[in-house]
Amino acid sequence: MDNEVIPAFAEGAGETPGRLYEVASNPEFTREGSAVADYFAPARIVIGERRPGSTQVLRDALRDIEAPIIATSFDVAALTKLADNAFHALKVAFANEIGRFALKSGISPGEVSDLFLADTKLNLSAAYLRPGGAFGGPCLKKDVLALASCMQKVGIVAPVIGHIYESNLSHIDFLMATIVSRAPPRSRILLVGLSFKSGTDDVRESPFVTLAEALLDGGYDLSIYDPDLVDDGVVAVRADIPSQLFDTLLSQLPTEVAWDLVIVGKSARDVLPLVNTNSPLFHIDQL
């Protein structure tokens, strides 16, 4: 839109948009073979605007279609379209990899699929689909690697499932690079959260343990506060927490300290009001 479409319109009209005309994008979310039906019954209508509030003419043209109209920027509209199709492709590839393995193992792909699709709480829902932290805990890594290993043993090529864990590790690298861009080494950093999710003190396969170790190796002055690891104002000694990280754990959060960066790894509604307001925040779960 910015590099091709608007310059072309400006050249043809003899002036930039805003007075004589306006430019908008309206990405389609239709399927070949049912495009007309999809057009008149979309899940939502997305409009990319050059200037907020400048697309009323387009809204009026679409008013007879019963669907929510969401106006956003050109870039968000375009990436939403790409994300939709990429996810559709991912679902097809994932389902087919599971199906290939099932057939090879003498298991009914249809029965597995029916049971998988019966879970509308986690499998067919918005769960786990917001970008944020890497996954952690003992279950996901174990089962992803086990499934990939079993598929490899029977000769099933599964590049989607086979690279899930690798993708997860690369996301931790991305988070570390983002932190480095916001705070140089030797900065005073507070990491909120060490266990892999809120409501548990389980640090097994926690991405925050990996991140904390990388921060220490990178020369940061690190402190960690995790209310799930504090009991009656005391952090209990535990064998599953590396000693170098245990030494950084706080039993309570000092309100007077202005940190160079506060990394919010886990949901911390009760913790954030205690953080010095002069401390910049990096919410991992709000990328």
Foldseek 3Di string as FASTA:
>chain_A
DVPPDQVVVCVVVVHGPDPPHFDKDWDQDADPPCRVVCLQAPQATEMAGPDPPPCVVVCVVCVVRPYHYDYDHPVVNVVVSVVVVVVVVLVVLVLVLVVVLCVLVVHHSVVVVVVQVVPCPDNVDCPPVFAFAFAFDDPPVVVLVVVLVSCVVSPRDRVSSVCNVVVSVVVLVVVLVVVCVQDPAQFEEEEEDQDQAPPAPHNHRRSSLVNVVVNVVRRYNYAYEYPNQADPLDRDDDPVRPPVRVVRYGSDDQQVDAGCEYEYRYDCPPCVVSHHPNHHYDDRSND
